[in-house]
Amino acid sequence: MASHSSAAVARTGNNPFLKTVAALSTLAGWCSAGMIVAAVAITCQMIVIRFVFNGSTVWQTEAVIYLIIAATLVGLPYVQRLRGHVNVDLVPISLAPRARFAMAILTSVLSIAIVSVMFWYGFEYWHFAWDRGWRSDTVWGVKLWIPYLALPIGFGLFLLQLIADLVALLLGIEKPFGLEIG
């Protein structure tokens, strides 16, 4: 029976490209965690302002929304590196080793294609906001290119991690779906 660890982490071997991508994904994870901590702190500050001092808040709700969305997007590559996304491996377990390898290549290539499209349109959307000087329609009036920057950064780093996963698979550093071949 194939062994599969729930605490799997993408392997890098001695490959400098894979090590660099792993470091970037880990950095993205730390940044994502920092954004979540900042969002929680801002929420606590907002509660104190509203209910203790009976004051109004101007920027807090919008900042928390942008931080949580950015944390989700920027955290994508780290979760991929840790193999933390939802994974149903019933089909790969039941396949022969060669078919399992082919399926792993196919799913990797399809994932790269889909995330590439998301990266492209995320970059385009960010660039529109930057080029046209878009601002939010709130009192705070934040320049929208700032929160929209999470789109190309998050999807770009996620794409890079997916490419690294495919390279590791092709080089034999990583096993298809993290399962033993035989």
N, C-alpha and C. Protein backbone atom coordinates (compact mmCIF):
# COMPACT_ATOMS: atom_id res chain seq x y z
N MET A 1 0.85 -1.19 0.00
CA MET A 1 0.00 0.00 0.00
C MET A 1 0.88 1.24 0.00
N ALA A 2 0.46 2.24 -0.70
CA ALA A 2 1.23 3.48 -0.77
C ALA A 2 1.14 4.24 0.54
N SER A 3 2.26 4.84 0.91
CA SER A 3 2.23 5.65 2.12
C SER A 3 2.07 7.11 1.73
N HIS A 4 1.27 7.81 2.48
CA HIS A 4 1.01 9.22 2.18
C HIS A 4 0.94 9.97 3.50
N SER A 5 1.82 10.94 3.63
CA SER A 5 1.88 11.72 4.86
C SER A 5 1.03 12.97 4.74
N SER A 6 0.24 13.26 5.76
CA SER A 6 -0.56 14.48 5.75
C SER A 6 0.30 15.71 6.03
N ALA A 7 1.52 15.47 6.49
CA ALA A 7 2.44 16.58 6.77
C ALA A 7 3.47 16.72 5.66
N ALA A 8 3.06 16.39 4.43
CA ALA A 8 3.97 16.45 3.29
C ALA A 8 4.35 17.89 2.97
N VAL A 9 5.61 18.04 2.58
CA VAL A 9 6.12 19.34 2.14
C VAL A 9 6.82 19.09 0.82
N ALA A 10 6.69 20.04 -0.11
CA ALA A 10 7.36 19.90 -1.39
C ALA A 10 8.86 19.71 -1.20
N ARG A 11 9.40 18.72 -1.85
CA ARG A 11 10.82 18.42 -1.74
C ARG A 11 11.61 19.29 -2.72
N THR A 12 12.82 19.64 -2.34
CA THR A 12 13.65 20.48 -3.19
C THR A 12 14.94 19.80 -3.63
N GLY A 13 15.34 18.75 -2.94
CA GLY A 13 16.62 18.12 -3.25
C GLY A 13 17.73 19.15 -3.13
N ASN A 14 18.70 19.08 -4.00
CA ASN A 14 19.78 20.07 -4.02
C ASN A 14 19.61 21.06 -5.16
N ASN A 15 18.42 21.12 -5.72
CA ASN A 15 18.15 21.98 -6.87
C ASN A 15 18.01 23.44 -6.42
N PRO A 16 18.85 24.34 -6.92
CA PRO A 16 18.79 25.75 -6.48
C PRO A 16 17.48 26.44 -6.86
N PHE A 17 16.93 26.11 -8.02
CA PHE A 17 15.64 26.70 -8.42
C PHE A 17 14.55 26.30 -7.43
N LEU A 18 14.48 25.01 -7.10
CA LEU A 18 13.46 24.53 -6.17
C LEU A 18 13.64 25.12 -4.78
N LYS A 19 14.89 25.25 -4.35
CA LYS A 19 15.17 25.85 -3.04
C LYS A 19 14.76 27.32 -3.01
N THR A 20 15.02 28.04 -4.09
CA THR A 20 14.65 29.46 -4.16
C THR A 20 13.14 29.63 -4.13
N VAL A 21 12.44 28.81 -4.91
CA VAL A 21 10.98 28.88 -4.93
C VAL A 21 10.41 28.51 -3.56
N ALA A 22 10.98 27.51 -2.93
CA ALA A 22 10.52 27.12 -1.58
C ALA A 22 10.72 28.27 -0.60
N ALA A 23 11.86 28.96 -0.69
CA ALA A 23 12.11 30.11 0.19
C ALA A 23 11.11 31.23 -0.07
N LEU A 24 10.82 31.51 -1.34
CA LEU A 24 9.83 32.54 -1.68
C LEU A 24 8.43 32.16 -1.17
N SER A 25 8.07 30.89 -1.32
CA SER A 25 6.77 30.43 -0.84
C SER A 25 6.67 30.53 0.68
N THR A 26 7.76 30.21 1.36
CA THR A 26 7.78 30.33 2.82
C THR A 26 7.67 31.79 3.24
N LEU A 27 8.40 32.66 2.56
CA LEU A 27 8.30 34.10 2.83
C LEU A 27 6.87 34.59 2.61
N ALA A 28 6.25 34.13 1.54
CA ALA A 28 4.86 34.50 1.27
C ALA A 28 3.94 34.02 2.40
N GLY A 29 4.21 32.84 2.93
CA GLY A 29 3.42 32.33 4.06
C GLY A 29 3.56 33.21 5.29
N TRP A 30 4.78 33.64 5.57
CA TRP A 30 5.01 34.54 6.71
C TRP A 30 4.31 35.88 6.50
N CYS A 31 4.39 36.40 5.28
CA CYS A 31 3.70 37.67 4.98
C CYS A 31 2.20 37.52 5.14
N SER A 32 1.68 36.39 4.67
CA SER A 32 0.25 36.11 4.80
C SER A 32 -0.17 36.05 6.27
N ALA A 33 0.63 35.36 7.07
CA ALA A 33 0.34 35.29 8.51
C ALA A 33 0.39 36.67 9.15
N GLY A 34 1.35 37.48 8.74
CA GLY A 34 1.45 38.85 9.25
C GLY A 34 0.23 39.68 8.90
N MET A 35 -0.29 39.49 7.69
CA MET A 35 -1.50 40.22 7.29
C MET A 35 -2.70 39.80 8.12
N ILE A 36 -2.78 38.52 8.44
CA ILE A 36 -3.90 38.05 9.27
C ILE A 36 -3.79 38.62 10.68
N VAL A 37 -2.58 38.63 11.23
CA VAL A 37 -2.38 39.22 12.56
C VAL A 37 -2.73 40.70 12.54
N ALA A 38 -2.32 41.42 11.50
CA ALA A 38 -2.64 42.85 11.38
C ALA A 38 -4.15 43.05 11.28
N ALA A 39 -4.83 42.19 10.52
CA ALA A 39 -6.28 42.31 10.39
C ALA A 39 -6.98 42.08 11.74
N VAL A 40 -6.49 41.12 12.50
CA VAL A 40 -7.07 40.86 13.83
C VAL A 40 -6.82 42.05 14.75
N ALA A 41 -5.61 42.60 14.73
CA ALA A 41 -5.29 43.76 15.57
C ALA A 41 -6.15 44.96 15.20
N ILE A 42 -6.33 45.19 13.90
CA ILE A 42 -7.18 46.31 13.45
C ILE A 42 -8.63 46.09 13.86
N THR A 43 -9.09 44.85 13.79
CA THR A 43 -10.46 44.55 14.22
C THR A 43 -10.63 44.83 15.71
N CYS A 44 -9.65 44.43 16.50
CA CYS A 44 -9.72 44.71 17.95
C CYS A 44 -9.70 46.21 18.21
N GLN A 45 -8.87 46.94 17.50
CA GLN A 45 -8.82 48.40 17.64
C GLN A 45 -10.16 49.02 17.26
N MET A 46 -10.76 48.48 16.19
CA MET A 46 -12.05 49.00 15.74
C MET A 46 -13.14 48.76 16.79
N ILE A 47 -13.11 47.62 17.43
CA ILE A 47 -14.09 47.31 18.47
C ILE A 47 -13.94 48.28 19.64
N VAL A 48 -12.70 48.53 20.04
CA VAL A 48 -12.45 49.47 21.14
C VAL A 48 -12.95 50.87 20.77
N ILE A 49 -12.63 51.33 19.58
CA ILE A 49 -13.06 52.67 19.15
C ILE A 49 -14.58 52.77 19.14
N ARG A 50 -15.24 51.77 18.58
CA ARG A 50 -16.70 51.84 18.44
C ARG A 50 -17.44 51.67 19.76
N PHE A 51 -17.08 50.65 20.53
CA PHE A 51 -17.90 50.29 21.68
C PHE A 51 -17.39 50.81 23.01
N VAL A 52 -16.12 51.11 23.10
CA VAL A 52 -15.59 51.66 24.35
C VAL A 52 -15.64 53.19 24.31
N PHE A 53 -15.15 53.74 23.19
CA PHE A 53 -15.10 55.20 23.08
C PHE A 53 -16.26 55.80 22.29
N ASN A 54 -17.17 54.93 21.82
CA ASN A 54 -18.35 55.36 21.06
C ASN A 54 -17.96 56.27 19.88
N GLY A 55 -16.86 55.93 19.23
CA GLY A 55 -16.38 56.71 18.09
C GLY A 55 -16.69 56.02 16.79
N SER A 56 -16.40 56.72 15.72
CA SER A 56 -16.63 56.13 14.40
C SER A 56 -15.30 55.68 13.80
N THR A 57 -15.40 54.70 12.95
CA THR A 57 -14.21 54.19 12.28
C THR A 57 -14.33 54.53 10.79
N VAL A 58 -13.21 54.88 10.20
CA VAL A 58 -13.22 55.31 8.80
C VAL A 58 -12.57 54.27 7.90
N TRP A 59 -11.41 53.80 8.28
CA TRP A 59 -10.61 52.97 7.40
C TRP A 59 -10.54 51.50 7.81
N GLN A 60 -10.92 51.19 9.04
CA GLN A 60 -10.65 49.87 9.60
C GLN A 60 -11.33 48.72 8.85
N THR A 61 -12.62 48.84 8.58
CA THR A 61 -13.34 47.74 7.92
C THR A 61 -12.75 47.46 6.55
N GLU A 62 -12.51 48.51 5.80
CA GLU A 62 -11.94 48.34 4.46
C GLU A 62 -10.54 47.73 4.53
N ALA A 63 -9.73 48.18 5.46
CA ALA A 63 -8.38 47.64 5.61
C ALA A 63 -8.41 46.15 5.96
N VAL A 64 -9.31 45.76 6.86
CA VAL A 64 -9.41 44.36 7.25
C VAL A 64 -9.83 43.50 6.06
N ILE A 65 -10.78 43.97 5.27
CA ILE A 65 -11.21 43.22 4.09
C ILE A 65 -10.05 43.03 3.12
N TYR A 66 -9.33 44.11 2.83
CA TYR A 66 -8.20 44.01 1.90
C TYR A 66 -7.10 43.12 2.46
N LEU A 67 -6.83 43.20 3.75
CA LEU A 67 -5.78 42.37 4.35
C LEU A 67 -6.12 40.88 4.30
N ILE A 68 -7.36 40.54 4.57
CA ILE A 68 -7.76 39.12 4.55
C ILE A 68 -7.73 38.57 3.13
N ILE A 69 -8.19 39.36 2.17
CA ILE A 69 -8.13 38.91 0.77
C ILE A 69 -6.68 38.76 0.34
N ALA A 70 -5.84 39.74 0.67
CA ALA A 70 -4.42 39.66 0.31
C ALA A 70 -3.75 38.48 1.00
N ALA A 71 -4.08 38.24 2.24
CA ALA A 71 -3.48 37.10 2.96
C ALA A 71 -3.85 35.78 2.29
N THR A 72 -5.07 35.69 1.82
CA THR A 72 -5.51 34.48 1.12
C THR A 72 -4.72 34.29 -0.17
N LEU A 73 -4.60 35.35 -0.96
CA LEU A 73 -3.90 35.24 -2.24
C LEU A 73 -2.40 35.03 -2.06
N VAL A 74 -1.79 35.79 -1.18
CA VAL A 74 -0.34 35.69 -0.98
C VAL A 74 0.01 34.37 -0.29
N GLY A 75 -0.91 33.80 0.45
CA GLY A 75 -0.67 32.53 1.13
C GLY A 75 -0.79 31.31 0.24
N LEU A 76 -1.31 31.47 -0.98
CA LEU A 76 -1.49 30.32 -1.89
C LEU A 76 -0.21 29.50 -2.11
N PRO A 77 0.92 30.12 -2.43
CA PRO A 77 2.10 29.30 -2.69
C PRO A 77 2.60 28.52 -1.47
N TYR A 78 2.45 29.11 -0.29
CA TYR A 78 2.88 28.42 0.93
C TYR A 78 2.02 27.19 1.20
N VAL A 79 0.72 27.36 1.02
CA VAL A 79 -0.19 26.22 1.22
C VAL A 79 0.10 25.13 0.19
N GLN A 80 0.41 25.53 -1.05
CA GLN A 80 0.77 24.55 -2.07
C GLN A 80 2.06 23.84 -1.70
N ARG A 81 3.02 24.57 -1.20
CA ARG A 81 4.30 23.98 -0.80
C ARG A 81 4.11 22.95 0.31
N LEU A 82 3.18 23.24 1.23
CA LEU A 82 2.89 22.31 2.33
C LEU A 82 1.91 21.22 1.95
N ARG A 83 1.43 21.29 0.72
CA ARG A 83 0.41 20.33 0.23
C ARG A 83 -0.85 20.42 1.08
N GLY A 84 -1.24 21.64 1.39
CA GLY A 84 -2.38 21.86 2.27
C GLY A 84 -3.70 22.06 1.55
N HIS A 85 -3.68 22.11 0.21
CA HIS A 85 -4.94 22.26 -0.50
C HIS A 85 -5.72 20.94 -0.46
N VAL A 86 -7.00 21.01 -0.69
CA VAL A 86 -7.84 19.82 -0.67
C VAL A 86 -7.32 18.83 -1.70
N ASN A 87 -7.17 17.59 -1.28
CA ASN A 87 -6.59 16.57 -2.14
C ASN A 87 -7.39 15.29 -1.98
N VAL A 88 -7.94 14.81 -3.09
CA VAL A 88 -8.62 13.52 -3.09
C VAL A 88 -7.75 12.59 -3.91
N ASP A 89 -7.14 11.62 -3.25
CA ASP A 89 -6.18 10.76 -3.96
C ASP A 89 -6.69 9.35 -4.21
N LEU A 90 -8.00 9.16 -4.24
CA LEU A 90 -8.57 7.84 -4.50
C LEU A 90 -8.19 7.35 -5.90
N VAL A 91 -8.33 8.22 -6.89
CA VAL A 91 -7.99 7.83 -8.26
C VAL A 91 -6.49 7.57 -8.41
N PRO A 92 -5.61 8.49 -7.98
CA PRO A 92 -4.18 8.20 -8.12
C PRO A 92 -3.73 6.93 -7.40
N ILE A 93 -4.30 6.64 -6.25
CA ILE A 93 -3.93 5.43 -5.51
C ILE A 93 -4.28 4.19 -6.31
N SER A 94 -5.41 4.24 -7.02
CA SER A 94 -5.87 3.05 -7.74
C SER A 94 -5.21 2.89 -9.11
N LEU A 95 -4.46 3.88 -9.56
CA LEU A 95 -3.81 3.80 -10.87
C LEU A 95 -2.48 3.06 -10.81
N ALA A 96 -2.11 2.50 -11.95
CA ALA A 96 -0.78 1.90 -12.10
C ALA A 96 0.27 3.02 -12.06
N PRO A 97 1.51 2.72 -11.72
CA PRO A 97 2.54 3.76 -11.58
C PRO A 97 2.69 4.68 -12.80
N ARG A 98 2.72 4.12 -13.99
CA ARG A 98 2.88 4.97 -15.19
C ARG A 98 1.68 5.87 -15.40
N ALA A 99 0.50 5.35 -15.19
CA ALA A 99 -0.72 6.15 -15.34
C ALA A 99 -0.78 7.23 -14.26
N ARG A 100 -0.33 6.90 -13.05
CA ARG A 100 -0.28 7.87 -11.95
C ARG A 100 0.66 9.02 -12.30
N PHE A 101 1.82 8.67 -12.86
CA PHE A 101 2.79 9.69 -13.27
C PHE A 101 2.19 10.58 -14.37
N ALA A 102 1.54 9.96 -15.36
CA ALA A 102 0.92 10.72 -16.45
C ALA A 102 -0.18 11.64 -15.92
N MET A 103 -0.96 11.14 -14.99
CA MET A 103 -2.02 11.96 -14.40
C MET A 103 -1.43 13.12 -13.61
N ALA A 104 -0.33 12.89 -12.91
CA ALA A 104 0.32 13.95 -12.15
C ALA A 104 0.84 15.04 -13.09
N ILE A 105 1.43 14.63 -14.21
CA ILE A 105 1.91 15.60 -15.20
C ILE A 105 0.73 16.38 -15.76
N LEU A 106 -0.33 15.69 -16.14
CA LEU A 106 -1.51 16.34 -16.72
C LEU A 106 -2.13 17.34 -15.74
N THR A 107 -2.32 16.94 -14.49
CA THR A 107 -2.92 17.87 -13.52
C THR A 107 -2.00 19.04 -13.23
N SER A 108 -0.70 18.80 -13.23
CA SER A 108 0.24 19.91 -13.01
C SER A 108 0.18 20.91 -14.16
N VAL A 109 0.19 20.41 -15.38
CA VAL A 109 0.14 21.28 -16.55
C VAL A 109 -1.18 22.05 -16.60
N LEU A 110 -2.29 21.38 -16.32
CA LEU A 110 -3.59 22.07 -16.30
C LEU A 110 -3.64 23.13 -15.20
N SER A 111 -3.10 22.81 -14.04
CA SER A 111 -3.07 23.78 -12.94
C SER A 111 -2.24 24.99 -13.32
N ILE A 112 -1.09 24.75 -13.94
CA ILE A 112 -0.23 25.85 -14.39
C ILE A 112 -0.96 26.71 -15.41
N ALA A 113 -1.67 26.09 -16.33
CA ALA A 113 -2.40 26.84 -17.35
C ALA A 113 -3.49 27.72 -16.72
N ILE A 114 -4.25 27.16 -15.80
CA ILE A 114 -5.34 27.90 -15.17
C ILE A 114 -4.80 29.05 -14.33
N VAL A 115 -3.77 28.79 -13.53
CA VAL A 115 -3.20 29.83 -12.68
C VAL A 115 -2.50 30.89 -13.53
N SER A 116 -1.95 30.49 -14.68
CA SER A 116 -1.35 31.48 -15.60
C SER A 116 -2.40 32.47 -16.08
N VAL A 117 -3.57 31.97 -16.40
CA VAL A 117 -4.66 32.86 -16.83
C VAL A 117 -5.06 33.79 -15.69
N MET A 118 -5.16 33.23 -14.48
CA MET A 118 -5.51 34.06 -13.32
C MET A 118 -4.43 35.13 -13.08
N PHE A 119 -3.16 34.73 -13.22
CA PHE A 119 -2.06 35.68 -13.05
C PHE A 119 -2.15 36.80 -14.09
N TRP A 120 -2.38 36.43 -15.34
CA TRP A 120 -2.43 37.43 -16.41
C TRP A 120 -3.55 38.44 -16.16
N TYR A 121 -4.75 37.93 -15.90
CA TYR A 121 -5.87 38.85 -15.69
C TYR A 121 -5.75 39.62 -14.37
N GLY A 122 -5.14 39.01 -13.37
CA GLY A 122 -4.88 39.72 -12.13
C GLY A 122 -3.90 40.86 -12.34
N PHE A 123 -2.85 40.59 -13.14
CA PHE A 123 -1.89 41.65 -13.46
C PHE A 123 -2.56 42.76 -14.26
N GLU A 124 -3.36 42.37 -15.23
CA GLU A 124 -4.05 43.35 -16.07
C GLU A 124 -4.98 44.22 -15.23
N TYR A 125 -5.71 43.62 -14.32
CA TYR A 125 -6.63 44.37 -13.46
C TYR A 125 -5.86 45.33 -12.55
N TRP A 126 -4.75 44.83 -11.96
CA TRP A 126 -3.90 45.69 -11.13
C TRP A 126 -3.36 46.86 -11.95
N HIS A 127 -2.93 46.56 -13.18
CA HIS A 127 -2.35 47.62 -14.02
C HIS A 127 -3.39 48.67 -14.39
N PHE A 128 -4.64 48.26 -14.65
CA PHE A 128 -5.72 49.23 -14.92
C PHE A 128 -5.89 50.16 -13.73
N ALA A 129 -5.91 49.57 -12.53
CA ALA A 129 -6.09 50.38 -11.33
C ALA A 129 -4.92 51.35 -11.16
N TRP A 130 -3.72 50.90 -11.44
CA TRP A 130 -2.52 51.73 -11.34
C TRP A 130 -2.56 52.84 -12.38
N ASP A 131 -2.78 52.47 -13.62
CA ASP A 131 -2.72 53.40 -14.74
C ASP A 131 -3.84 54.45 -14.70
N ARG A 132 -4.99 54.06 -14.24
CA ARG A 132 -6.15 54.96 -14.24
C ARG A 132 -6.37 55.66 -12.91
N GLY A 133 -5.53 55.38 -11.94
CA GLY A 133 -5.63 56.06 -10.65
C GLY A 133 -6.90 55.75 -9.89
N TRP A 134 -7.38 54.51 -10.00
CA TRP A 134 -8.62 54.14 -9.32
C TRP A 134 -8.47 54.28 -7.81
N ARG A 135 -9.53 54.75 -7.18
CA ARG A 135 -9.62 54.85 -5.72
C ARG A 135 -10.92 54.22 -5.27
N SER A 136 -10.95 53.74 -4.04
CA SER A 136 -12.20 53.16 -3.52
C SER A 136 -13.21 54.28 -3.31
N ASP A 137 -14.48 53.91 -3.36
CA ASP A 137 -15.56 54.89 -3.20
C ASP A 137 -15.94 55.07 -1.74
N THR A 138 -14.97 55.05 -0.86
CA THR A 138 -15.23 55.20 0.56
C THR A 138 -14.62 56.50 1.05
N VAL A 139 -14.85 56.82 2.30
CA VAL A 139 -14.28 58.02 2.89
C VAL A 139 -12.75 57.92 2.89
N TRP A 140 -12.24 56.74 3.11
CA TRP A 140 -10.79 56.53 3.13
C TRP A 140 -10.18 56.78 1.75
N GLY A 141 -10.87 56.32 0.70
CA GLY A 141 -10.44 56.55 -0.66
C GLY A 141 -9.08 55.97 -1.00
N VAL A 142 -8.82 54.74 -0.57
CA VAL A 142 -7.53 54.11 -0.80
C VAL A 142 -7.27 53.95 -2.30
N LYS A 143 -6.02 54.12 -2.70
CA LYS A 143 -5.64 53.86 -4.08
C LYS A 143 -5.74 52.36 -4.30
N LEU A 144 -6.58 51.93 -5.22
CA LEU A 144 -6.89 50.52 -5.36
C LEU A 144 -5.76 49.67 -5.92
N TRP A 145 -4.75 50.29 -6.51
CA TRP A 145 -3.63 49.48 -6.99
C TRP A 145 -2.92 48.81 -5.82
N ILE A 146 -3.01 49.40 -4.65
CA ILE A 146 -2.31 48.82 -3.49
C ILE A 146 -2.92 47.48 -3.08
N PRO A 147 -4.24 47.42 -2.80
CA PRO A 147 -4.78 46.10 -2.47
C PRO A 147 -4.84 45.15 -3.67
N TYR A 148 -5.01 45.69 -4.89
CA TYR A 148 -5.08 44.84 -6.07
C TYR A 148 -3.72 44.21 -6.41
N LEU A 149 -2.65 44.73 -5.85
CA LEU A 149 -1.32 44.17 -6.07
C LEU A 149 -1.23 42.73 -5.56
N ALA A 150 -2.11 42.38 -4.64
CA ALA A 150 -2.12 41.01 -4.13
C ALA A 150 -2.49 40.00 -5.22
N LEU A 151 -3.22 40.44 -6.24
CA LEU A 151 -3.60 39.52 -7.33
C LEU A 151 -2.38 39.03 -8.11
N PRO A 152 -1.59 39.92 -8.73
CA PRO A 152 -0.44 39.39 -9.47
C PRO A 152 0.63 38.78 -8.57
N ILE A 153 0.83 39.32 -7.38
CA ILE A 153 1.84 38.74 -6.49
C ILE A 153 1.41 37.33 -6.04
N GLY A 154 0.18 37.21 -5.57
CA GLY A 154 -0.30 35.92 -5.09
C GLY A 154 -0.33 34.86 -6.18
N PHE A 155 -0.96 35.20 -7.31
CA PHE A 155 -1.04 34.22 -8.39
C PHE A 155 0.32 33.98 -9.05
N GLY A 156 1.18 35.00 -9.08
CA GLY A 156 2.52 34.83 -9.64
C GLY A 156 3.35 33.87 -8.81
N LEU A 157 3.32 34.04 -7.50
CA LEU A 157 4.07 33.13 -6.62
C LEU A 157 3.46 31.73 -6.61
N PHE A 158 2.14 31.66 -6.69
CA PHE A 158 1.47 30.35 -6.76
C PHE A 158 1.88 29.64 -8.06
N LEU A 159 1.91 30.39 -9.17
CA LEU A 159 2.34 29.84 -10.45
C LEU A 159 3.77 29.33 -10.35
N LEU A 160 4.63 30.11 -9.74
CA LEU A 160 6.02 29.71 -9.57
C LEU A 160 6.14 28.42 -8.76
N GLN A 161 5.34 28.30 -7.70
CA GLN A 161 5.37 27.07 -6.89
C GLN A 161 4.85 25.88 -7.68
N LEU A 162 3.82 26.09 -8.50
CA LEU A 162 3.30 24.99 -9.33
C LEU A 162 4.34 24.55 -10.36
N ILE A 163 5.05 25.51 -10.94
CA ILE A 163 6.12 25.17 -11.90
C ILE A 163 7.23 24.40 -11.18
N ALA A 164 7.59 24.83 -9.99
CA ALA A 164 8.60 24.11 -9.21
C ALA A 164 8.14 22.69 -8.89
N ASP A 165 6.85 22.54 -8.57
CA ASP A 165 6.33 21.19 -8.31
C ASP A 165 6.44 20.31 -9.54
N LEU A 166 6.15 20.87 -10.72
CA LEU A 166 6.26 20.10 -11.97
C LEU A 166 7.73 19.74 -12.24
N VAL A 167 8.63 20.69 -12.04
CA VAL A 167 10.06 20.42 -12.23
C VAL A 167 10.51 19.31 -11.28
N ALA A 168 10.11 19.38 -10.02
CA ALA A 168 10.48 18.35 -9.05
C ALA A 168 9.94 16.98 -9.45
N LEU A 169 8.75 16.97 -10.01
CA LEU A 169 8.14 15.73 -10.47
C LEU A 169 8.93 15.17 -11.66
N LEU A 170 9.26 16.03 -12.62
CA LEU A 170 9.99 15.59 -13.81
C LEU A 170 11.42 15.14 -13.49
N LEU A 171 12.03 15.77 -12.49
CA LEU A 171 13.40 15.40 -12.10
C LEU A 171 13.43 14.20 -11.16
N GLY A 172 12.27 13.72 -10.73
CA GLY A 172 12.21 12.58 -9.83
C GLY A 172 12.44 12.94 -8.38
N ILE A 173 12.48 14.23 -8.06
CA ILE A 173 12.67 14.67 -6.68
C ILE A 173 11.38 14.47 -5.89
N GLU A 174 10.28 14.66 -6.55
CA GLU A 174 8.94 14.52 -5.94
C GLU A 174 8.23 13.34 -6.61
N LYS A 175 7.47 12.60 -5.83
CA LYS A 175 6.71 11.48 -6.36
C LYS A 175 5.31 11.95 -6.78
N PRO A 176 4.71 11.32 -7.79
CA PRO A 176 3.38 11.73 -8.23
C PRO A 176 2.37 11.68 -7.07
N PHE A 177 1.75 12.81 -6.80
CA PHE A 177 0.77 12.95 -5.73
C PHE A 177 1.34 12.60 -4.36
N GLY A 178 2.66 12.59 -4.25
CA GLY A 178 3.31 12.27 -2.99
C GLY A 178 3.23 10.81 -2.63
N LEU A 179 2.84 9.98 -3.60
CA LEU A 179 2.66 8.53 -3.37
C LEU A 179 3.85 7.76 -3.92
N GLU A 180 4.17 6.67 -3.27
CA GLU A 180 5.22 5.80 -3.77
C GLU A 180 4.78 5.24 -5.12
N ILE A 181 5.71 5.11 -6.03
CA ILE A 181 5.38 4.68 -7.38
C ILE A 181 5.00 3.21 -7.42
N GLY A 182 5.70 2.36 -6.74
CA GLY A 182 5.46 0.92 -6.85
C GLY A 182 4.45 0.39 -5.90
